[in-house]
Amino acid sequence: LHVSSGALVVGVEPGSPAADAGIAAPAVIQSI
């Protein structure tokens, strides 16, 4: 994914804010 740091997302709760935003595993969160 061409990143060197962050939190690796391995699962997303259905109906959660992350799911509503379109985040899906695998992804790397970079900032909040």
ModelCIF file with pLDDT and N, C-alpha, C, O atoms, coordinates in Angstrom:
data_MODEL
#
_entry.id   MODEL 
#
_entity.id                         1 
_entity.type                       polymer 
_entity.pdbx_number_of_molecules   1 
#
_entity_poly.entity_id                      1 
_entity_poly.type                           'polypeptide(L)' 
_entity_poly.nstd_linkage                   no 
_entity_poly.nstd_monomer                   no 
_entity_poly.pdbx_seq_one_letter_code       LHVSSGALVVGVEPGSPAADAGIAAPAVIQSI 
_entity_poly.pdbx_seq_one_letter_code_can   LHVSSGALVVGVEPGSPAADAGIAAPAVIQSI 
_entity_poly.pdbx_strand_id                 A 
#
loop_
_entity_poly_seq.entity_id 
_entity_poly_seq.num 
_entity_poly_seq.mon_id 
_entity_poly_seq.hetero 
1 1  LEU n 
1 2  HIS n 
1 3  VAL n 
1 4  SER n 
1 5  SER n 
1 6  GLY n 
1 7  ALA n 
1 8  LEU n 
1 9  VAL n 
1 10 VAL n 
1 11 GLY n 
1 12 VAL n 
1 13 GLU n 
1 14 PRO n 
1 15 GLY n 
1 16 SER n 
1 17 PRO n 
1 18 ALA n 
1 19 ALA n 
1 20 ASP n 
1 21 ALA n 
1 22 GLY n 
1 23 ILE n 
1 24 ALA n 
1 25 ALA n 
1 26 PRO n 
1 27 ALA n 
1 28 VAL n 
1 29 ILE n 
1 30 GLN n 
1 31 SER n 
1 32 ILE n 
#
_struct_asym.id          A 
_struct_asym.entity_id   1 
#
loop_
_ma_qa_metric.id 
_ma_qa_metric.mode 
_ma_qa_metric.name 
_ma_qa_metric.software_group_id 
_ma_qa_metric.type 
1 global pLDDT . pLDDT 
2 local  pLDDT . pLDDT 
#
_ma_qa_metric_global.metric_id      1 
_ma_qa_metric_global.metric_value   93.09 
_ma_qa_metric_global.model_id       1 
_ma_qa_metric_global.ordinal_id     1 
#
loop_
_ma_qa_metric_local.label_asym_id 
_ma_qa_metric_local.label_comp_id 
_ma_qa_metric_local.label_seq_id 
_ma_qa_metric_local.metric_id 
_ma_qa_metric_local.metric_value 
_ma_qa_metric_local.model_id 
_ma_qa_metric_local.ordinal_id 
A LEU 1  2 93.00 1 1  
A HIS 2  2 93.00 1 2  
A VAL 3  2 95.00 1 3  
A SER 4  2 95.00 1 4  
A SER 5  2 94.00 1 5  
A GLY 6  2 95.00 1 6  
A ALA 7  2 94.00 1 7  
A LEU 8  2 95.00 1 8  
A VAL 9  2 94.00 1 9  
A VAL 10 2 92.00 1 10 
A GLY 11 2 89.00 1 11 
A VAL 12 2 91.00 1 12 
A GLU 13 2 88.00 1 13 
A PRO 14 2 86.00 1 14 
A GLY 15 2 87.00 1 15 
A SER 16 2 89.00 1 16 
A PRO 17 2 93.00 1 17 
A ALA 18 2 93.00 1 18 
A ALA 19 2 92.00 1 19 
A ASP 20 2 93.00 1 20 
A ALA 21 2 95.00 1 21 
A GLY 22 2 95.00 1 22 
A ILE 23 2 96.00 1 23 
A ALA 24 2 94.00 1 24 
A ALA 25 2 92.00 1 25 
A PRO 26 2 93.00 1 26 
A ALA 27 2 95.00 1 27 
A VAL 28 2 96.00 1 28 
A ILE 29 2 96.00 1 29 
A GLN 30 2 96.00 1 30 
A SER 31 2 95.00 1 31 
A ILE 32 2 95.00 1 32 
#
loop_
_atom_site.group_PDB 
_atom_site.id 
_atom_site.type_symbol 
_atom_site.label_atom_id 
_atom_site.label_alt_id 
_atom_site.label_comp_id 
_atom_site.label_asym_id 
_atom_site.label_entity_id 
_atom_site.label_seq_id 
_atom_site.pdbx_PDB_ins_code 
_atom_site.Cartn_x 
_atom_site.Cartn_y 
_atom_site.Cartn_z 
_atom_site.occupancy 
_atom_site.B_iso_or_equiv 
_atom_site.pdbx_formal_charge 
_atom_site.auth_seq_id 
_atom_site.auth_comp_id 
_atom_site.auth_asym_id 
_atom_site.auth_atom_id 
_atom_site.pdbx_PDB_model_num 
ATOM 1   N N  . LEU A 1 1  ? 0.813   -1.212 0.000  1.00 93.00 ? 1  LEU A N  1 
ATOM 2   C CA . LEU A 1 1  ? 0.000   0.000  0.000  1.00 93.00 ? 1  LEU A CA 1 
ATOM 3   C C  . LEU A 1 1  ? 0.850   1.267  0.000  1.00 93.00 ? 1  LEU A C  1 
ATOM 4   O O  . LEU A 1 1  ? 0.325   2.379  0.056  1.00 93.00 ? 1  LEU A O  1 
ATOM 5   N N  . HIS A 1 2  ? 2.166   1.088  -0.064 1.00 93.00 ? 2  HIS A N  1 
ATOM 6   C CA . HIS A 1 2  ? 3.109   2.214  -0.142 1.00 93.00 ? 2  HIS A CA 1 
ATOM 7   C C  . HIS A 1 2  ? 3.026   3.130  1.088  1.00 93.00 ? 2  HIS A C  1 
ATOM 8   O O  . HIS A 1 2  ? 3.064   4.354  0.968  1.00 93.00 ? 2  HIS A O  1 
ATOM 9   N N  . VAL A 1 3  ? 2.911   2.510  2.277  1.00 95.00 ? 3  VAL A N  1 
ATOM 10  C CA . VAL A 1 3  ? 2.925   3.267  3.536  1.00 95.00 ? 3  VAL A CA 1 
ATOM 11  C C  . VAL A 1 3  ? 3.923   2.603  4.479  1.00 95.00 ? 3  VAL A C  1 
ATOM 12  O O  . VAL A 1 3  ? 4.181   1.403  4.380  1.00 95.00 ? 3  VAL A O  1 
ATOM 13  N N  . SER A 1 4  ? 4.474   3.387  5.384  1.00 95.00 ? 4  SER A N  1 
ATOM 14  C CA . SER A 1 4  ? 5.456   2.848  6.323  1.00 95.00 ? 4  SER A CA 1 
ATOM 15  C C  . SER A 1 4  ? 4.983   2.896  7.767  1.00 95.00 ? 4  SER A C  1 
ATOM 16  O O  . SER A 1 4  ? 5.656   2.372  8.655  1.00 95.00 ? 4  SER A O  1 
ATOM 17  N N  . SER A 1 5  ? 3.836   3.518  8.014  1.00 94.00 ? 5  SER A N  1 
ATOM 18  C CA . SER A 1 5  ? 3.314   3.592  9.371  1.00 94.00 ? 5  SER A CA 1 
ATOM 19  C C  . SER A 1 5  ? 1.805   3.723  9.328  1.00 94.00 ? 5  SER A C  1 
ATOM 20  O O  . SER A 1 5  ? 1.221   4.022  8.286  1.00 94.00 ? 5  SER A O  1 
ATOM 21  N N  . GLY A 1 6  ? 1.182   3.496  10.472 1.00 95.00 ? 6  GLY A N  1 
ATOM 22  C CA . GLY A 1 6  ? -0.268  3.578  10.567 1.00 95.00 ? 6  GLY A CA 1 
ATOM 23  C C  . GLY A 1 6  ? -0.835  2.366  11.276 1.00 95.00 ? 6  GLY A C  1 
ATOM 24  O O  . GLY A 1 6  ? -0.095  1.484  11.710 1.00 95.00 ? 6  GLY A O  1 
ATOM 25  N N  . ALA A 1 7  ? -2.162  2.328  11.391 1.00 94.00 ? 7  ALA A N  1 
ATOM 26  C CA . ALA A 1 7  ? -2.863  1.212  12.027 1.00 94.00 ? 7  ALA A CA 1 
ATOM 27  C C  . ALA A 1 7  ? -3.517  0.372  10.937 1.00 94.00 ? 7  ALA A C  1 
ATOM 28  O O  . ALA A 1 7  ? -4.336  0.872  10.166 1.00 94.00 ? 7  ALA A O  1 
ATOM 29  N N  . LEU A 1 8  ? -3.153  -0.899 10.876 1.00 95.00 ? 8  LEU A N  1 
ATOM 30  C CA . LEU A 1 8  ? -3.665  -1.795 9.836  1.00 95.00 ? 8  LEU A CA 1 
ATOM 31  C C  . LEU A 1 8  ? -5.065  -2.278 10.207 1.00 95.00 ? 8  LEU A C  1 
ATOM 32  O O  . LEU A 1 8  ? -5.247  -2.931 11.234 1.00 95.00 ? 8  LEU A O  1 
ATOM 33  N N  . VAL A 1 9  ? -6.050  -1.958 9.373  1.00 94.00 ? 9  VAL A N  1 
ATOM 34  C CA . VAL A 1 9  ? -7.428  -2.388 9.581  1.00 94.00 ? 9  VAL A CA 1 
ATOM 35  C C  . VAL A 1 9  ? -7.598  -3.805 9.044  1.00 94.00 ? 9  VAL A C  1 
ATOM 36  O O  . VAL A 1 9  ? -7.371  -4.067 7.863  1.00 94.00 ? 9  VAL A O  1 
ATOM 37  N N  . VAL A 1 10 ? -8.006  -4.725 9.941  1.00 92.00 ? 10 VAL A N  1 
ATOM 38  C CA . VAL A 1 10 ? -8.223  -6.115 9.532  1.00 92.00 ? 10 VAL A CA 1 
ATOM 39  C C  . VAL A 1 10 ? -9.691  -6.506 9.624  1.00 92.00 ? 10 VAL A C  1 
ATOM 40  O O  . VAL A 1 10 ? -10.060 -7.624 9.266  1.00 92.00 ? 10 VAL A O  1 
ATOM 41  N N  . GLY A 1 11 ? -10.532 -5.591 10.102 1.00 89.00 ? 11 GLY A N  1 
ATOM 42  C CA . GLY A 1 11 ? -11.964 -5.857 10.165 1.00 89.00 ? 11 GLY A CA 1 
ATOM 43  C C  . GLY A 1 11 ? -12.725 -4.574 10.412 1.00 89.00 ? 11 GLY A C  1 
ATOM 44  O O  . GLY A 1 11 ? -12.212 -3.654 11.050 1.00 89.00 ? 11 GLY A O  1 
ATOM 45  N N  . VAL A 1 12 ? -13.953 -4.506 9.907  1.00 91.00 ? 12 VAL A N  1 
ATOM 46  C CA . VAL A 1 12 ? -14.804 -3.326 10.079 1.00 91.00 ? 12 VAL A CA 1 
ATOM 47  C C  . VAL A 1 12 ? -16.174 -3.787 10.554 1.00 91.00 ? 12 VAL A C  1 
ATOM 48  O O  . VAL A 1 12 ? -16.780 -4.679 9.961  1.00 91.00 ? 12 VAL A O  1 
ATOM 49  N N  . GLU A 1 13 ? -16.657 -3.173 11.626 1.00 88.00 ? 13 GLU A N  1 
ATOM 50  C CA . GLU A 1 13 ? -17.953 -3.529 12.188 1.00 88.00 ? 13 GLU A CA 1 
ATOM 51  C C  . GLU A 1 13 ? -19.072 -3.023 11.286 1.00 88.00 ? 13 GLU A C  1 
ATOM 52  O O  . GLU A 1 13 ? -19.097 -1.837 10.956 1.00 88.00 ? 13 GLU A O  1 
ATOM 53  N N  . PRO A 1 14 ? -20.010 -3.898 10.873 1.00 86.00 ? 14 PRO A N  1 
ATOM 54  C CA . PRO A 1 14 ? -21.134 -3.447 10.047 1.00 86.00 ? 14 PRO A CA 1 
ATOM 55  C C  . PRO A 1 14 ? -21.927 -2.345 10.745 1.00 86.00 ? 14 PRO A C  1 
ATOM 56  O O  . PRO A 1 14 ? -22.206 -2.432 11.941 1.00 86.00 ? 14 PRO A O  1 
ATOM 57  N N  . GLY A 1 15 ? -22.284 -1.314 9.991  1.00 87.00 ? 15 GLY A N  1 
ATOM 58  C CA . GLY A 1 15 ? -23.072 -0.225 10.538 1.00 87.00 ? 15 GLY A CA 1 
ATOM 59  C C  . GLY A 1 15 ? -22.291 0.777  11.367 1.00 87.00 ? 15 GLY A C  1 
ATOM 60  O O  . GLY A 1 15 ? -22.870 1.721  11.905 1.00 87.00 ? 15 GLY A O  1 
ATOM 61  N N  . SER A 1 16 ? -20.989 0.587  11.477 1.00 89.00 ? 16 SER A N  1 
ATOM 62  C CA . SER A 1 16 ? -20.157 1.483  12.271 1.00 89.00 ? 16 SER A CA 1 
ATOM 63  C C  . SER A 1 16 ? -19.803 2.733  11.479 1.00 89.00 ? 16 SER A C  1 
ATOM 64  O O  . SER A 1 16 ? -20.023 2.775  10.269 1.00 89.00 ? 16 SER A O  1 
ATOM 65  N N  . PRO A 1 17 ? -19.254 3.762  12.146 1.00 93.00 ? 17 PRO A N  1 
ATOM 66  C CA . PRO A 1 17 ? -18.803 4.953  11.410 1.00 93.00 ? 17 PRO A CA 1 
ATOM 67  C C  . PRO A 1 17 ? -17.781 4.615  10.331 1.00 93.00 ? 17 PRO A C  1 
ATOM 68  O O  . PRO A 1 17 ? -17.795 5.212  9.254  1.00 93.00 ? 17 PRO A O  1 
ATOM 69  N N  . ALA A 1 18 ? -16.888 3.657  10.614 1.00 93.00 ? 18 ALA A N  1 
ATOM 70  C CA . ALA A 1 18 ? -15.890 3.270  9.618  1.00 93.00 ? 18 ALA A CA 1 
ATOM 71  C C  . ALA A 1 18 ? -16.549 2.650  8.397  1.00 93.00 ? 18 ALA A C  1 
ATOM 72  O O  . ALA A 1 18 ? -16.169 2.942  7.262  1.00 93.00 ? 18 ALA A O  1 
ATOM 73  N N  . ALA A 1 19 ? -17.550 1.784  8.633  1.00 92.00 ? 19 ALA A N  1 
ATOM 74  C CA . ALA A 1 19 ? -18.255 1.163  7.513  1.00 92.00 ? 19 ALA A CA 1 
ATOM 75  C C  . ALA A 1 19 ? -19.003 2.206  6.692  1.00 92.00 ? 19 ALA A C  1 
ATOM 76  O O  . ALA A 1 19 ? -19.004 2.160  5.462  1.00 92.00 ? 19 ALA A O  1 
ATOM 77  N N  . ASP A 1 20 ? -19.636 3.143  7.384  1.00 93.00 ? 20 ASP A N  1 
ATOM 78  C CA . ASP A 1 20 ? -20.367 4.194  6.675  1.00 93.00 ? 20 ASP A CA 1 
ATOM 79  C C  . ASP A 1 20 ? -19.439 5.051  5.825  1.00 93.00 ? 20 ASP A C  1 
ATOM 80  O O  . ASP A 1 20 ? -19.841 5.571  4.784  1.00 93.00 ? 20 ASP A O  1 
ATOM 81  N N  . ALA A 1 21 ? -18.186 5.197  6.278  1.00 95.00 ? 21 ALA A N  1 
ATOM 82  C CA . ALA A 1 21 ? -17.221 6.006  5.515  1.00 95.00 ? 21 ALA A CA 1 
ATOM 83  C C  . ALA A 1 21 ? -16.660 5.251  4.321  1.00 95.00 ? 21 ALA A C  1 
ATOM 84  O O  . ALA A 1 21 ? -16.065 5.861  3.432  1.00 95.00 ? 21 ALA A O  1 
ATOM 85  N N  . GLY A 1 22 ? -16.841 3.917  4.284  1.00 95.00 ? 22 GLY A N  1 
ATOM 86  C CA . GLY A 1 22 ? -16.330 3.119  3.176  1.00 95.00 ? 22 GLY A CA 1 
ATOM 87  C C  . GLY A 1 22 ? -14.991 2.461  3.461  1.00 95.00 ? 22 GLY A C  1 
ATOM 88  O O  . GLY A 1 22 ? -14.352 1.944  2.545  1.00 95.00 ? 22 GLY A O  1 
ATOM 89  N N  . ILE A 1 23 ? -14.555 2.468  4.712  1.00 96.00 ? 23 ILE A N  1 
ATOM 90  C CA . ILE A 1 23 ? -13.304 1.779  5.050  1.00 96.00 ? 23 ILE A CA 1 
ATOM 91  C C  . ILE A 1 23 ? -13.539 0.278  5.012  1.00 96.00 ? 23 ILE A C  1 
ATOM 92  O O  . ILE A 1 23 ? -14.527 -0.208 5.562  1.00 96.00 ? 23 ILE A O  1 
ATOM 93  N N  . ALA A 1 24 ? -12.647 -0.455 4.373  1.00 94.00 ? 24 ALA A N  1 
ATOM 94  C CA . ALA A 1 24 ? -12.736 -1.917 4.303  1.00 94.00 ? 24 ALA A CA 1 
ATOM 95  C C  . ALA A 1 24 ? -11.331 -2.491 4.426  1.00 94.00 ? 24 ALA A C  1 
ATOM 96  O O  . ALA A 1 24 ? -10.362 -1.898 3.952  1.00 94.00 ? 24 ALA A O  1 
ATOM 97  N N  . ALA A 1 25 ? -11.235 -3.644 5.064  1.00 92.00 ? 25 ALA A N  1 
ATOM 98  C CA . ALA A 1 25 ? -9.936  -4.311 5.216  1.00 92.00 ? 25 ALA A CA 1 
ATOM 99  C C  . ALA A 1 25 ? -9.491  -4.920 3.879  1.00 92.00 ? 25 ALA A C  1 
ATOM 100 O O  . ALA A 1 25 ? -10.323 -5.405 3.112  1.00 92.00 ? 25 ALA A O  1 
ATOM 101 N N  . PRO A 1 26 ? -8.173  -4.895 3.600  1.00 93.00 ? 26 PRO A N  1 
ATOM 102 C CA . PRO A 1 26 ? -7.116  -4.250 4.379  1.00 93.00 ? 26 PRO A CA 1 
ATOM 103 C C  . PRO A 1 26 ? -6.998  -2.770 4.025  1.00 93.00 ? 26 PRO A C  1 
ATOM 104 O O  . PRO A 1 26 ? -7.094  -2.380 2.862  1.00 93.00 ? 26 PRO A O  1 
ATOM 105 N N  . ALA A 1 27 ? -6.792  -1.972 5.043  1.00 95.00 ? 27 ALA A N  1 
ATOM 106 C CA . ALA A 1 27 ? -6.566  -0.543 4.878  1.00 95.00 ? 27 ALA A CA 1 
ATOM 107 C C  . ALA A 1 27 ? -5.663  -0.095 6.022  1.00 95.00 ? 27 ALA A C  1 
ATOM 108 O O  . ALA A 1 27 ? -5.536  -0.790 7.030  1.00 95.00 ? 27 ALA A O  1 
ATOM 109 N N  . VAL A 1 28 ? -5.044  1.059  5.865  1.00 96.00 ? 28 VAL A N  1 
ATOM 110 C CA . VAL A 1 28 ? -4.161  1.593  6.903  1.00 96.00 ? 28 VAL A CA 1 
ATOM 111 C C  . VAL A 1 28 ? -4.642  2.994  7.259  1.00 96.00 ? 28 VAL A C  1 
ATOM 112 O O  . VAL A 1 28 ? -4.618  3.900  6.426  1.00 96.00 ? 28 VAL A O  1 
ATOM 113 N N  . ILE A 1 29 ? -5.078  3.161  8.508  1.00 96.00 ? 29 ILE A N  1 
ATOM 114 C CA . ILE A 1 29 ? -5.513  4.479  8.964  1.00 96.00 ? 29 ILE A CA 1 
ATOM 115 C C  . ILE A 1 29 ? -4.286  5.332  9.242  1.00 96.00 ? 29 ILE A C  1 
ATOM 116 O O  . ILE A 1 29 ? -3.373  4.914  9.954  1.00 96.00 ? 29 ILE A O  1 
ATOM 117 N N  . GLN A 1 30 ? -4.276  6.538  8.670  1.00 96.00 ? 30 GLN A N  1 
ATOM 118 C CA . GLN A 1 30 ? -3.129  7.433  8.768  1.00 96.00 ? 30 GLN A CA 1 
ATOM 119 C C  . GLN A 1 30 ? -3.347  8.599  9.734  1.00 96.00 ? 30 GLN A C  1 
ATOM 120 O O  . GLN A 1 30 ? -2.403  9.083  10.358 1.00 96.00 ? 30 GLN A O  1 
ATOM 121 N N  . SER A 1 31 ? -4.607  9.047  9.851  1.00 95.00 ? 31 SER A N  1 
ATOM 122 C CA . SER A 1 31 ? -4.849  10.154 10.770 1.00 95.00 ? 31 SER A CA 1 
ATOM 123 C C  . SER A 1 31 ? -6.318  10.184 11.177 1.00 95.00 ? 31 SER A C  1 
ATOM 124 O O  . SER A 1 31 ? -7.194  9.698  10.462 1.00 95.00 ? 31 SER A O  1 
ATOM 125 N N  . ILE A 1 32 ? -6.558  10.769 12.351 1.00 95.00 ? 32 ILE A N  1 
ATOM 126 C CA . ILE A 1 32 ? -7.906  10.995 12.878 1.00 95.00 ? 32 ILE A CA 1 
ATOM 127 C C  . ILE A 1 32 ? -7.983  12.449 13.315 1.00 95.00 ? 32 ILE A C  1 
ATOM 128 O O  . ILE A 1 32 ? -9.024  12.894 13.798 1.00 95.00 ? 32 ILE A O  1 
#
